[in-house]
């Protein structure tokens, strides 16, 4: 059976996830204002990703963007930025 996934599909899906993470600080601030008494922090690195052994989130937002570069250095920098945002969000630092 042929593999139907392409690099373009991978980058589109990754851009979707990353864009959601980049837009999360706005929603995190709103959430923090609404429920400032709840201070949940979860480890970013570990045996399982968040959501497997932690409570499921109540809301989710999607944002779709095009990754407009073919330079691997820029793509790696974008992924590193998204990783940093994700790590900070799980620690309540955004």
C-alpha atoms as a PDB file:
ATOM      1  CA  UNK A   1       0.000   0.000   0.000  1.00  0.00           C
ATOM      2  CA  UNK A   2       1.428   3.368  -1.005  1.00  0.00           C
ATOM      3  CA  UNK A   3       2.059   6.063   1.562  1.00  0.00           C
ATOM      4  CA  UNK A   4      -0.470   8.840   0.890  1.00  0.00           C
ATOM      5  CA  UNK A   5       1.130  11.414   3.182  1.00  0.00           C
ATOM      6  CA  UNK A   6       3.348  14.074   1.678  1.00  0.00           C
ATOM      7  CA  UNK A   7       5.822  16.538   3.123  1.00  0.00           C
ATOM      8  CA  UNK A   8       3.390  19.295   2.210  1.00  0.00           C
ATOM      9  CA  UNK A   9       0.621  17.628   4.250  1.00  0.00           C
ATOM     10  CA  UNK A  10       3.014  17.223   7.186  1.00  0.00           C
ATOM     11  CA  UNK A  11       4.018  20.893   7.061  1.00  0.00           C
ATOM     12  CA  UNK A  12       0.411  22.040   6.730  1.00  0.00           C
ATOM     13  CA  UNK A  13      -0.640  19.959   9.729  1.00  0.00           C
ATOM     14  CA  UNK A  14       2.356  21.099  11.745  1.00  0.00           C
ATOM     15  CA  UNK A  15       1.662  24.720  10.856  1.00  0.00           C
ATOM     16  CA  UNK A  16      -1.921  24.270  12.018  1.00  0.00           C
ATOM     17  CA  UNK A  17      -0.844  22.938  15.396  1.00  0.00           C
ATOM     18  CA  UNK A  18       1.878  25.542  15.809  1.00  0.00           C
ATOM     19  CA  UNK A  19      -0.376  28.405  14.851  1.00  0.00           C
ATOM     20  CA  UNK A  20      -2.834  27.236  17.452  1.00  0.00           C
ATOM     21  CA  UNK A  21      -0.088  27.276  20.015  1.00  0.00           C
ATOM     22  CA  UNK A  22       1.006  30.742  18.961  1.00  0.00           C
ATOM     23  CA  UNK A  23      -2.532  32.057  19.332  1.00  0.00           C
ATOM     24  CA  UNK A  24      -2.943  30.377  22.710  1.00  0.00           C
ATOM     25  CA  UNK A  25      -1.448  33.215  24.831  1.00  0.00           C
ATOM     26  CA  UNK A  26      -4.479  35.389  24.063  1.00  0.00           C
ATOM     27  CA  UNK A  27      -6.855  32.660  25.136  1.00  0.00           C
ATOM     28  CA  UNK A  28      -4.659  31.697  28.079  1.00  0.00           C
ATOM     29  CA  UNK A  29      -4.825  35.265  29.392  1.00  0.00           C
ATOM     30  CA  UNK A  30      -8.606  35.255  29.116  1.00  0.00           C
ATOM     31  CA  UNK A  31      -8.782  31.886  30.849  1.00  0.00           C
ATOM     32  CA  UNK A  32      -6.413  33.054  33.581  1.00  0.00           C
ATOM     33  CA  UNK A  33      -8.586  36.100  34.223  1.00  0.00           C
ATOM     34  CA  UNK A  34     -11.738  33.989  34.443  1.00  0.00           C
ATOM     35  CA  UNK A  35     -10.293  31.358  36.738  1.00  0.00           C
ATOM     36  CA  UNK A  36      -7.234  32.871  38.389  1.00  0.00           C
ATOM     37  CA  UNK A  37      -7.702  30.639  41.443  1.00  0.00           C
ATOM     38  CA  UNK A  38      -6.823  27.530  39.415  1.00  0.00           C
ATOM     39  CA  UNK A  39      -3.069  27.118  39.006  1.00  0.00           C
ATOM     40  CA  UNK A  40      -2.509  23.852  37.134  1.00  0.00           C
ATOM     41  CA  UNK A  41       0.975  23.154  35.844  1.00  0.00           C
ATOM     42  CA  UNK A  42       1.961  20.027  33.957  1.00  0.00           C
ATOM     43  CA  UNK A  43       5.397  18.806  32.913  1.00  0.00           C
ATOM     44  CA  UNK A  44       6.105  19.406  29.237  1.00  0.00           C
ATOM     45  CA  UNK A  45       8.687  16.636  28.950  1.00  0.00           C
ATOM     46  CA  UNK A  46       7.897  13.211  30.286  1.00  0.00           C
ATOM     47  CA  UNK A  47       6.789   9.693  29.504  1.00  0.00           C
ATOM     48  CA  UNK A  48       3.371  10.839  28.226  1.00  0.00           C
ATOM     49  CA  UNK A  49       2.203  14.004  26.536  1.00  0.00           C
ATOM     50  CA  UNK A  50      -0.226  16.239  28.391  1.00  0.00           C
ATOM     51  CA  UNK A  51      -3.794  15.033  28.079  1.00  0.00           C
ATOM     52  CA  UNK A  52      -2.888  11.351  28.398  1.00  0.00           C
ATOM     53  CA  UNK A  53      -2.547  11.280  32.185  1.00  0.00           C
ATOM     54  CA  UNK A  54      -3.730  14.855  32.857  1.00  0.00           C
ATOM     55  CA  UNK A  55      -7.263  16.266  32.676  1.00  0.00           C
ATOM     56  CA  UNK A  56      -8.539  17.003  29.183  1.00  0.00           C
ATOM     57  CA  UNK A  57      -8.855  20.647  28.226  1.00  0.00           C
ATOM     58  CA  UNK A  58     -12.345  22.143  28.143  1.00  0.00           C
ATOM     59  CA  UNK A  59     -11.869  24.248  25.011  1.00  0.00           C
ATOM     60  CA  UNK A  60      -9.758  24.175  21.881  1.00  0.00           C
ATOM     61  CA  UNK A  61      -9.083  26.729  19.181  1.00  0.00           C
ATOM     62  CA  UNK A  62      -7.831  26.118  15.644  1.00  0.00           C
ATOM     63  CA  UNK A  63      -5.990  28.498  13.380  1.00  0.00           C
ATOM     64  CA  UNK A  64      -4.708  27.641   9.915  1.00  0.00           C
ATOM     65  CA  UNK A  65      -1.701  29.368   8.362  1.00  0.00           C
ATOM     66  CA  UNK A  66       0.555  28.621   5.408  1.00  0.00           C
ATOM     67  CA  UNK A  67       4.213  27.896   6.083  1.00  0.00           C
ATOM     68  CA  UNK A  68       5.741  30.182   3.478  1.00  0.00           C
ATOM     69  CA  UNK A  69       9.333  28.980   3.312  1.00  0.00           C
ATOM     70  CA  UNK A  70      11.334  26.034   2.061  1.00  0.00           C
ATOM     71  CA  UNK A  71      14.440  26.915   4.066  1.00  0.00           C
ATOM     72  CA  UNK A  72      15.004  24.176   6.631  1.00  0.00           C
ATOM     73  CA  UNK A  73      16.752  26.577   9.026  1.00  0.00           C
ATOM     74  CA  UNK A  74      13.639  28.770   9.146  1.00  0.00           C
ATOM     75  CA  UNK A  75      11.366  25.742   9.575  1.00  0.00           C
ATOM     76  CA  UNK A  76      13.497  24.490  12.471  1.00  0.00           C
ATOM     77  CA  UNK A  77      13.389  27.947  14.065  1.00  0.00           C
ATOM     78  CA  UNK A  78       9.589  28.009  13.792  1.00  0.00           C
ATOM     79  CA  UNK A  79       9.321  24.558  15.393  1.00  0.00           C
ATOM     80  CA  UNK A  80      11.674  25.620  18.195  1.00  0.00           C
ATOM     81  CA  UNK A  81       9.585  28.730  18.845  1.00  0.00           C
ATOM     82  CA  UNK A  82       6.389  26.646  18.969  1.00  0.00           C
ATOM     83  CA  UNK A  83       8.052  24.189  21.343  1.00  0.00           C
ATOM     84  CA  UNK A  84       9.112  27.025  23.642  1.00  0.00           C
ATOM     85  CA  UNK A  85       5.573  28.446  23.657  1.00  0.00           C
ATOM     86  CA  UNK A  86       4.134  25.006  24.405  1.00  0.00           C
ATOM     87  CA  UNK A  87       6.549  24.391  27.252  1.00  0.00           C
ATOM     88  CA  UNK A  88       5.774  27.801  28.773  1.00  0.00           C
ATOM     89  CA  UNK A  89       2.020  27.295  28.435  1.00  0.00           C
ATOM     90  CA  UNK A  90       2.148  24.017  30.368  1.00  0.00           C
ATOM     91  CA  UNK A  91       3.972  25.849  33.154  1.00  0.00           C
ATOM     92  CA  UNK A  92       1.497  28.735  33.291  1.00  0.00           C
ATOM     93  CA  UNK A  93       4.103  31.237  32.079  1.00  0.00           C
ATOM     94  CA  UNK A  94       2.123  32.792  29.227  1.00  0.00           C
END
